Structure formats: structure tokens, C-alpha cells
């Protein structure tokens, strides 16, 4: 009996630490579903929503609805734990040996390191690591932690056959690390054209999540962000206080939840603007409501390539953003927005200028929309990534 010479589809295993639905998870979802539609065989493995023993989150639900095979890991968790991380490594190694994928695509710091090393030991031919920004850029961490993160980031990239960087700055810097010059490729994130709720409806919905008495004519400055030190949101609260000192009685909306909620609320009270700072918490599909805002702002200390800024661009919003890698791939200063140092006074000055000059703000928004529509599409991201997958050689059936 003759053996078939046909080859099976290239089999891809995606690996990520958490199954909540942040930027990295959205990226994985778009790639996994896109690769499946391109004819690849796709599997995704992940932990829970962060804590030890946590149940799986929104990512798992969305993948299953899309028909993607999911393989939860019991020992993957957000925080470092030597015992649990060792168990997670061996659990992942056994999974890779059992499934024998042609490609292992890892993302997030912990899944990246453990997954790339496990795949290397299992002799997987193609190992891809997507770096969502260089974690050692988190300047709020102690120096020893940053050096440790740098080592493990370099080790993860070294174990991989290719590393995807999503901003030009991180691409250039990663290529300078020992042994990585030929391993690093540049592929920007991209999205499908979003659907937005109109301005009046969006404001009505957000008002329903808030107890403040708001009128239609007031200026809304907004952002979508996890309440986390990386997002540097205290800059916005202080900048809003500076605007009020100039008789610009704008409202600040921060859609998201996280560990910094208490600190932001205390700062707003100290600045006597608590009733103008709105923290409605997690809002499902929050990007739908972007057109509620007059100005979108992002004061982050560190970003990979922020989806929310691309979404703000598709919504044609004028933006004020911090001058950091990733953000500057999307917004060009005084062409498609204002790019300024991530400091209270800089943001206050930039926000005031857009509030006072609506015509100029509209030009920035229009320019940003044109740029993101031409440079940040999901189709381009999937096609360029699938070229890396196609370089692997599946075994004969």
C-alpha cells in the first residue's frame, strides 16, 4: 500500500499566560482566527485570568465560539512563583510533545520564556515570540528587576527562531542584543475597521454608569486603559486640575479597572476635581464609545503598539499622547496629534490647545484616521505573520 505524499496543514500552537482580554490576547485572537481562515491548523493554550487556580476568561470564550481548539494550562499564573512556574513549564513541555506543532508562537513575558524554552527542548522547527514592548523599559521597577527582565527577554528571543517586534524603536534595539540581529522582524499590529456608537448615544450610555450631573455641551477628555502604573494616569488627573485653574471645566473619563483606582480617586479629591473625574470601571467593548470624547489621550510610560490609539484614529479623534516608542509609530507630532513628554504641565498645555482650537483638532483627527486606515489593518498583520508560519515544513501524512 502506497503512503500518501500529501502534507497536512501547518499546525500552530499559540501560547499566552492569561486568558483575560487585553491587548496581547486580542492580538492572539486576531492571529489565531486569521491563520485558521488561511488554512493553518490552530491550537491555543493559556492559563486563567491571573491568580493561581483562576478560571479561564473572555479569550477562551471567544476562541471557542470561533471554532479554535483551546488547551487550558492549570499552572500558568500572572505572578512569579518558582514552584508553579516549574510545574507550568513541564505541563507545557508535555503538551508540546503530545501535539507536535510545526510552529509554536509565544507571547507575553512568562509564556514567552517558558514556551520558547520548552519548544526548543521539544525540537519544534519554528518558534516565534511576539514582544509586546520591551518589559525592561518599565522604569518604575527596581533596577535589579529590570536587569533580570532584560536577561530573560534576551534568552526568550535567543530560543526563538524569529522575534516579532511591533514598533520601530524596539525593533532597532532588539537587533542590537547579542545573537539577535537576524532573528528580529518588524510587523505592526492591525485591526478590522471598528464600529462605533454615535456621540449622543455613547454619552448617554456612559452617563448611565456614572452618578454625576452632566450637560451635553461639556468637554469630555477620555482614555481607555487598565488602571496600572504603566499607564501613568495620575498625569491626566493633575492636568485636568490645571485646566480647571484656567477655567476650562472639562470632564475626564477613564474607562477601565485596576490596582490604581484608589490612588487616582485620592488624587482627584486632593485636587478638588473629584466630581469631574469619572471612573466607571470595566466597560465591555469600551472602544465602541470612543466618539463620546472630544479629545482622546494616552499618557503611558511604556507601550507596545497600543490598539486603543489605533481605534481612536479610526474614530478620527484628536489625540494628546506621550512621547514614547510604539505611540510615535502611530501619531506624528503636530500632523496627526500632539506628542508631548508624559508630564502634568505638558499634557495640560496640549489638552488646552485642542480644546481652544476645535478646527485644528479636527484636522489632526482626520489626518490620524487616514494614517491608521492605510498602515494598521488586520489583513496586513495576518498576512505578514503567516509568511513566517509558512516557512515551517510539516511532516507527511
Protein backbone atom coordinates (compact mmCIF):
# COMPACT_ATOMS: atom_id res chain seq x y z
CA UNK A 1 0.00 0.00 0.00
CA UNK A 2 1.48 3.32 -1.03
CA UNK A 3 1.95 6.02 1.58
CA UNK A 4 0.26 9.33 0.80
CA UNK A 5 2.63 12.09 -0.23
CA UNK A 6 0.16 14.80 0.73
CA UNK A 7 1.15 17.03 3.60
CA UNK A 8 -1.12 18.05 6.40
CA UNK A 9 -1.73 21.74 7.14
CA UNK A 10 0.93 23.54 9.15
CA UNK A 11 -0.01 23.12 12.80
CA UNK A 12 0.37 26.20 15.04
CA UNK A 13 0.27 26.27 18.84
CA UNK A 14 -0.18 29.73 20.38
CA UNK A 15 0.92 30.19 23.99
CA UNK A 16 -0.08 33.05 26.31
CA UNK A 17 -0.09 33.37 30.10
CA UNK A 18 -3.54 34.82 30.82
CA UNK A 19 -6.92 34.33 29.16
CA UNK A 20 -8.46 37.68 30.05
CA UNK A 21 -8.91 40.07 27.11
CA UNK A 22 -6.23 42.75 26.98
CA UNK A 23 -4.12 43.89 24.04
CA UNK A 24 -1.92 40.77 23.85
CA UNK A 25 -4.97 38.50 23.97
CA UNK A 26 -6.71 40.47 21.26
CA UNK A 27 -3.59 40.18 19.11
CA UNK A 28 -3.54 36.42 19.66
CA UNK A 29 -7.23 36.10 18.83
CA UNK A 30 -6.86 38.04 15.58
CA UNK A 31 -3.83 35.99 14.52
CA UNK A 32 -5.31 32.62 15.51
CA UNK A 33 -8.63 33.19 13.71
CA UNK A 34 -6.86 34.78 10.74
CA UNK A 35 -4.40 31.88 10.42
CA UNK A 36 -7.26 29.38 10.67
CA UNK A 37 -9.02 31.12 7.77
CA UNK A 38 -5.77 30.94 5.81
CA UNK A 39 -5.79 27.13 6.11
CA UNK A 40 -3.49 26.56 9.07
CA UNK A 41 -4.39 24.14 11.87
CA UNK A 42 -4.62 26.24 15.04
CA UNK A 43 -4.48 25.49 18.78
CA UNK A 44 -4.20 27.93 21.71
CA UNK A 45 -3.00 27.20 25.25
CA UNK A 46 -3.30 29.59 28.20
CA UNK A 47 -3.81 29.90 31.94
CA UNK A 48 -6.64 31.56 33.81
CA UNK A 49 -7.24 35.24 34.41
CA UNK A 50 -4.13 35.76 36.54
CA UNK A 51 -4.25 34.29 40.04
CA UNK A 52 -3.39 30.71 40.94
CA UNK A 53 -6.30 28.42 40.13
CA UNK A 54 -8.30 31.20 38.44
CA UNK A 55 -10.87 30.17 35.85
CA UNK A 56 -10.36 30.93 32.18
CA UNK A 57 -11.54 34.27 30.84
CA UNK A 58 -13.01 36.04 27.83
CA UNK A 59 -10.22 34.94 25.46
CA UNK A 60 -11.16 31.29 25.98
CA UNK A 61 -14.84 32.02 25.32
CA UNK A 62 -14.16 33.97 22.13
CA UNK A 63 -11.77 31.39 20.73
CA UNK A 64 -14.21 28.57 21.38
CA UNK A 65 -17.02 30.49 19.68
CA UNK A 66 -14.73 30.99 16.68
CA UNK A 67 -14.08 27.25 16.46
CA UNK A 68 -10.45 27.41 17.65
CA UNK A 69 -9.23 24.46 19.71
CA UNK A 70 -8.23 25.55 23.24
CA UNK A 71 -5.95 23.76 25.71
CA UNK A 72 -6.03 25.35 29.19
CA UNK A 73 -2.96 25.01 31.45
CA UNK A 74 -3.50 24.52 35.18
CA UNK A 75 -0.27 26.08 36.42
CA UNK A 76 0.04 29.26 34.34
CA UNK A 77 -0.45 32.33 36.54
CA UNK A 78 0.45 36.03 36.36
CA UNK A 79 2.77 36.44 39.35
CA UNK A 80 6.16 34.78 39.71
CA UNK A 81 6.15 31.56 41.75
CA UNK A 82 9.12 29.22 41.40
CA UNK A 83 7.12 26.10 42.18
CA UNK A 84 4.15 26.95 39.96
CA UNK A 85 6.38 28.17 37.14
CA UNK A 86 8.34 24.90 37.15
CA UNK A 87 5.07 22.96 37.07
CA UNK A 88 3.81 25.18 34.26
CA UNK A 89 6.99 24.53 32.27
CA UNK A 90 6.68 20.75 32.46
CA UNK A 91 2.94 20.89 31.80
CA UNK A 92 3.61 22.95 28.68
CA UNK A 93 6.52 20.73 27.60
CA UNK A 94 4.32 17.62 27.82
CA UNK A 95 1.61 19.39 25.82
CA UNK A 96 4.04 20.36 23.06
CA UNK A 97 5.44 16.82 22.88
CA UNK A 98 1.91 15.41 22.64
CA UNK A 99 0.58 17.83 19.99
CA UNK A 100 3.80 18.11 17.93
CA UNK A 101 3.03 21.50 16.34
CA UNK A 102 5.16 22.75 13.46
CA UNK A 103 5.07 26.27 14.88
CA UNK A 104 4.95 27.45 18.49
CA UNK A 105 4.06 31.14 18.71
CA UNK A 106 4.56 32.54 22.21
CA UNK A 107 3.62 35.93 23.63
CA UNK A 108 3.72 37.73 26.99
CA UNK A 109 6.82 37.63 29.17
CA UNK A 110 6.22 34.45 31.18
CA UNK A 111 4.61 32.38 28.42
CA UNK A 112 7.32 33.64 26.10
CA UNK A 113 10.20 32.44 28.22
CA UNK A 114 8.73 29.13 29.33
CA UNK A 115 7.14 28.40 25.96
CA UNK A 116 10.19 29.18 23.82
CA UNK A 117 12.48 27.07 26.03
CA UNK A 118 10.01 24.16 26.14
CA UNK A 119 9.57 24.30 22.37
CA UNK A 120 13.33 24.38 21.86
CA UNK A 121 13.78 21.27 24.06
CA UNK A 122 10.95 19.57 22.17
CA UNK A 123 12.77 20.33 18.89
CA UNK A 124 9.97 22.34 17.33
CA UNK A 125 11.27 23.68 13.99
CA UNK A 126 9.69 27.15 14.12
CA UNK A 127 9.42 29.15 17.36
CA UNK A 128 8.07 32.70 17.15
CA UNK A 129 8.00 35.18 20.01
CA UNK A 130 5.99 38.39 19.80
CA UNK A 131 7.40 41.06 22.08
CA UNK A 132 4.62 43.49 23.08
CA UNK A 133 7.16 46.13 24.04
CA UNK A 134 10.39 45.53 25.98
CA UNK A 135 9.37 44.91 29.59
CA UNK A 136 12.71 46.18 30.92
CA UNK A 137 11.59 49.66 29.83
CA UNK A 138 9.26 49.76 32.87
CA UNK A 139 11.25 52.42 34.71
CA UNK A 140 9.05 52.24 37.81
CA UNK A 141 10.52 48.78 38.58
CA UNK A 142 13.64 48.38 40.79
CA UNK A 143 16.85 48.26 38.79
CA UNK A 144 17.59 44.62 39.68
CA UNK A 145 14.21 43.57 38.30
CA UNK A 146 14.83 45.41 35.06
CA UNK A 147 18.19 43.67 34.56
CA UNK A 148 16.59 40.29 35.31
CA UNK A 149 13.80 41.01 32.82
CA UNK A 150 16.38 42.08 30.22
CA UNK A 151 18.21 38.76 30.61
CA UNK A 152 15.08 36.64 30.31
CA UNK A 153 13.80 38.71 27.36
CA UNK A 154 17.11 38.17 25.56
CA UNK A 155 17.03 34.45 26.45
CA UNK A 156 13.49 34.10 25.09
CA UNK A 157 14.47 35.78 21.82
CA UNK A 158 17.57 33.59 21.58
CA UNK A 159 15.48 30.41 21.99
CA UNK A 160 13.11 31.59 19.25
CA UNK A 161 13.74 31.25 15.53
CA UNK A 162 12.06 34.65 14.94
CA UNK A 163 11.02 37.51 17.21
CA UNK A 164 8.28 39.89 16.09
CA UNK A 165 8.67 43.47 17.28
CA UNK A 166 5.65 45.74 16.89
CA UNK A 167 7.33 49.15 16.99
CA UNK A 168 10.33 50.53 15.12
CA UNK A 169 12.19 51.58 18.27
CA UNK A 170 12.02 48.13 19.89
CA UNK A 171 12.91 46.53 16.54
CA UNK A 172 16.11 48.57 16.30
CA UNK A 173 17.10 47.97 19.93
CA UNK A 174 16.30 44.24 19.93
CA UNK A 175 18.53 43.70 16.86
CA UNK A 176 21.48 45.10 18.84
CA UNK A 177 21.27 42.40 21.51
CA UNK A 178 23.86 39.59 21.16
CA UNK A 179 22.94 36.93 18.62
CA UNK A 180 19.63 38.51 17.58
CA UNK A 181 20.34 40.63 14.51
CA UNK A 182 18.92 38.07 12.05
CA UNK A 183 16.15 36.82 14.32
CA UNK A 184 14.15 40.06 14.67
CA UNK A 185 11.36 41.08 12.27
CA UNK A 186 9.08 44.10 12.28
CA UNK A 187 5.28 43.62 11.96
CA UNK A 188 2.89 46.31 13.17
CA UNK A 189 -0.39 45.37 14.85
CA UNK A 190 -3.55 45.95 12.84
CA UNK A 191 -7.31 45.87 13.37
CA UNK A 192 -10.53 45.46 11.45
CA UNK A 193 -12.43 48.70 10.90
CA UNK A 194 -14.24 49.27 14.22
CA UNK A 195 -17.93 50.04 14.63
CA UNK A 196 -18.74 52.99 16.89
CA UNK A 197 -21.81 54.16 18.74
CA UNK A 198 -22.66 57.75 17.78
CA UNK A 199 -21.68 60.58 20.10
CA UNK A 200 -25.08 61.20 21.72
CA UNK A 201 -25.78 57.52 22.37
CA UNK A 202 -22.26 56.94 23.66
CA UNK A 203 -22.58 59.80 26.15
CA UNK A 204 -25.98 58.56 27.26
CA UNK A 205 -24.62 55.06 27.91
CA UNK A 206 -21.60 56.33 29.83
CA UNK A 207 -23.73 58.71 31.88
CA UNK A 208 -25.79 55.70 32.89
CA UNK A 209 -22.69 54.21 34.51
CA UNK A 210 -22.00 57.42 36.43
CA UNK A 211 -23.89 59.45 39.03
CA UNK A 212 -22.66 62.91 38.01
CA UNK A 213 -24.99 65.57 36.58
CA UNK A 214 -23.58 66.22 33.11
CA UNK A 215 -24.76 68.54 30.35
CA UNK A 216 -24.39 67.89 26.61
CA UNK A 217 -22.15 70.88 25.94
CA UNK A 218 -19.32 70.00 28.33
CA UNK A 219 -15.89 68.96 27.08
CA UNK A 220 -15.07 65.29 27.59
CA UNK A 221 -11.43 64.17 27.63
CA UNK A 222 -11.15 60.40 27.63
CA UNK A 223 -8.97 57.33 27.61
CA UNK A 224 -9.35 53.55 27.71
CA UNK A 225 -6.76 51.99 29.97
CA UNK A 226 -6.05 49.48 32.69
CA UNK A 227 -5.59 51.38 35.97
CA UNK A 228 -1.92 50.38 36.24
CA UNK A 229 1.34 52.30 36.90
CA UNK A 230 2.46 51.82 33.28
CA UNK A 231 -0.49 53.89 32.11
CA UNK A 232 0.64 56.93 34.16
CA UNK A 233 -2.96 58.10 34.65
CA UNK A 234 -2.21 60.43 37.55
CA UNK A 235 -0.79 62.77 34.87
CA UNK A 236 -4.30 63.15 33.46
CA UNK A 237 -5.86 63.94 36.83
CA UNK A 238 -3.22 66.59 37.54
CA UNK A 239 -3.53 68.00 34.00
CA UNK A 240 -7.30 68.25 34.45
CA UNK A 241 -6.78 70.23 37.65
CA UNK A 242 -4.53 72.61 35.70
CA UNK A 243 -7.25 73.04 33.06
CA UNK A 244 -9.79 73.91 35.76
CA UNK A 245 -7.41 76.51 37.11
CA UNK A 246 -7.64 78.09 33.63
CA UNK A 247 -11.47 77.99 33.75
CA UNK A 248 -11.62 75.04 31.33
CA UNK A 249 -14.13 72.89 33.23
CA UNK A 250 -13.65 69.69 31.25
CA UNK A 251 -14.51 66.18 32.40
CA UNK A 252 -12.04 63.29 32.42
CA UNK A 253 -13.30 59.79 31.62
CA UNK A 254 -11.06 56.78 32.26
CA UNK A 255 -12.72 53.56 31.11
CA UNK A 256 -11.04 50.58 32.73
CA UNK A 257 -10.28 48.92 36.03
CA UNK A 258 -7.16 48.09 38.00
CA UNK A 259 -4.97 48.47 41.05
CA UNK A 260 -4.53 52.26 40.76
CA UNK A 261 -8.22 53.12 41.25
CA UNK A 262 -7.82 54.15 44.90
CA UNK A 263 -4.78 56.28 44.21
CA UNK A 264 -6.49 58.10 41.33
CA UNK A 265 -9.60 58.77 43.42
CA UNK A 266 -7.48 60.16 46.27
CA UNK A 267 -5.57 62.43 43.87
CA UNK A 268 -8.81 63.74 42.36
CA UNK A 269 -10.11 64.59 45.85
CA UNK A 270 -6.82 66.31 46.76
CA UNK A 271 -7.07 68.41 43.57
CA UNK A 272 -10.74 69.27 44.33
CA UNK A 273 -11.92 67.91 40.98
CA UNK A 274 -13.39 64.59 42.12
CA UNK A 275 -16.79 65.29 40.51
CA UNK A 276 -15.05 65.88 37.15
CA UNK A 277 -13.07 62.59 37.15
CA UNK A 278 -15.18 59.63 36.05
CA UNK A 279 -14.04 56.06 36.66
CA UNK A 280 -16.93 53.86 35.58
CA UNK A 281 -14.77 50.73 35.74
CA UNK A 282 -14.59 48.00 33.14
CA UNK A 283 -16.89 48.77 30.21
CA UNK A 284 -17.47 45.88 27.81
CA UNK A 285 -16.37 46.72 24.26
CA UNK A 286 -15.40 50.16 25.51
CA UNK A 287 -13.91 51.18 22.15
CA UNK A 288 -17.48 51.45 20.78
CA UNK A 289 -17.95 54.57 22.90
CA UNK A 290 -14.86 56.49 21.78
CA UNK A 291 -16.90 59.11 19.94
CA UNK A 292 -18.28 60.29 23.27
CA UNK A 293 -14.93 62.10 23.73
CA UNK A 294 -13.84 65.45 22.35
CA UNK A 295 -10.17 64.56 22.86
CA UNK A 296 -8.53 61.17 23.39
CA UNK A 297 -5.38 60.98 25.49
CA UNK A 298 -2.78 58.37 26.44
CA UNK A 299 -0.02 59.37 28.92
CA UNK A 300 1.63 55.93 29.19
CA UNK A 301 5.17 55.35 30.41
CA UNK A 302 5.52 52.23 28.22
CA UNK A 303 3.53 50.75 25.35
CA UNK A 304 3.99 48.09 22.71
CA UNK A 305 1.75 49.35 19.92
CA UNK A 306 -1.49 50.43 21.62
CA UNK A 307 -4.64 49.12 19.96
CA UNK A 308 -6.71 51.79 21.64
CA UNK A 309 -4.75 54.53 19.89
CA UNK A 310 -5.36 52.88 16.51
CA UNK A 311 -9.06 52.72 17.43
CA UNK A 312 -9.05 56.40 18.39
CA UNK A 313 -7.53 57.07 14.97
CA UNK A 314 -10.27 55.17 13.16
CA UNK A 315 -12.73 57.32 15.16
CA UNK A 316 -10.95 60.47 13.85
CA UNK A 317 -10.37 61.79 17.38
CA UNK A 318 -7.76 64.47 18.10
CA UNK A 319 -5.20 62.95 20.46
CA UNK A 320 -2.66 64.01 23.07
CA UNK A 321 -0.15 61.24 23.76
CA UNK A 322 3.17 60.67 25.49
CA UNK A 323 6.40 60.73 23.52
CA UNK A 324 7.39 57.07 23.82
CA UNK A 325 8.12 54.20 21.39
CA UNK A 326 5.06 52.48 20.00
CA UNK A 327 2.93 55.58 20.31
CA UNK A 328 5.20 57.51 17.95
CA UNK A 329 4.74 54.78 15.32
CA UNK A 330 1.11 55.88 15.12
CA UNK A 331 0.97 59.63 15.89
CA UNK A 332 3.18 62.28 14.29
CA UNK A 333 3.54 65.47 16.34
CA UNK A 334 1.55 68.45 15.02
CA UNK A 335 0.46 66.38 11.99
CA UNK A 336 -1.90 63.77 13.39
CA UNK A 337 -1.94 64.79 17.05
CA UNK A 338 0.18 66.22 19.84
CA UNK A 339 3.08 64.10 21.15
CA UNK A 340 4.48 65.51 24.39
CA UNK A 341 6.51 64.47 27.46
CA UNK A 342 4.45 62.42 29.92
CA UNK A 343 4.25 65.20 32.50
CA UNK A 344 1.37 67.16 34.08
CA UNK A 345 2.24 70.55 32.59
CA UNK A 346 2.91 69.20 29.08
CA UNK A 347 -0.42 67.38 28.95
CA UNK A 348 -2.31 70.33 30.41
CA UNK A 349 -0.87 72.69 27.78
CA UNK A 350 -1.55 70.29 24.89
CA UNK A 351 -5.10 69.48 26.02
CA UNK A 352 -5.91 73.18 26.45
CA UNK A 353 -4.68 73.95 22.93
CA UNK A 354 -7.01 71.35 21.40
CA UNK A 355 -9.98 72.47 23.50
CA UNK A 356 -9.43 76.09 22.40
CA UNK A 357 -8.87 75.28 18.69
CA UNK A 358 -11.55 72.83 17.54
CA UNK A 359 -10.75 73.36 13.84
CA UNK A 360 -7.10 72.42 14.28
CA UNK A 361 -8.11 69.47 16.47
CA UNK A 362 -10.40 68.20 13.69
CA UNK A 363 -7.54 68.33 11.17
CA UNK A 364 -5.37 66.23 13.49
CA UNK A 365 -8.17 63.69 13.87
CA UNK A 366 -8.75 63.46 10.12
CA UNK A 367 -5.03 63.01 9.43
CA UNK A 368 -4.76 60.29 12.08
CA UNK A 369 -7.70 58.39 10.60
CA UNK A 370 -6.16 58.44 7.13
CA UNK A 371 -2.84 57.16 8.51
CA UNK A 372 -4.21 54.25 10.55
CA UNK A 373 -6.54 53.17 7.74
CA UNK A 374 -3.56 52.78 5.42
CA UNK A 375 -0.97 51.35 7.85
CA UNK A 376 -2.70 49.36 10.61
CA UNK A 377 -5.05 46.76 9.12
CA UNK A 378 -5.66 43.26 10.47
CA UNK A 379 -5.27 41.80 6.97
CA UNK A 380 -1.72 43.10 6.61
CA UNK A 381 -0.75 41.89 10.11
CA UNK A 382 -2.11 38.38 9.49
CA UNK A 383 -0.56 38.07 6.01
CA UNK A 384 2.91 39.12 7.16
CA UNK A 385 2.79 36.79 10.17
CA UNK A 386 1.52 33.84 8.13
CA UNK A 387 4.61 34.17 5.91
CA UNK A 388 6.67 33.26 8.97
CA UNK A 389 4.41 30.26 9.66
CA UNK A 390 4.66 29.09 6.04
CA UNK A 391 8.44 28.73 6.32
CA UNK A 392 7.99 25.65 8.56
CA UNK A 393 7.88 22.22 6.92
CA UNK A 394 5.01 19.97 8.09
CA UNK A 395 5.65 16.24 8.10
CA UNK A 396 3.97 13.99 5.54
CA UNK A 397 0.68 12.39 6.46
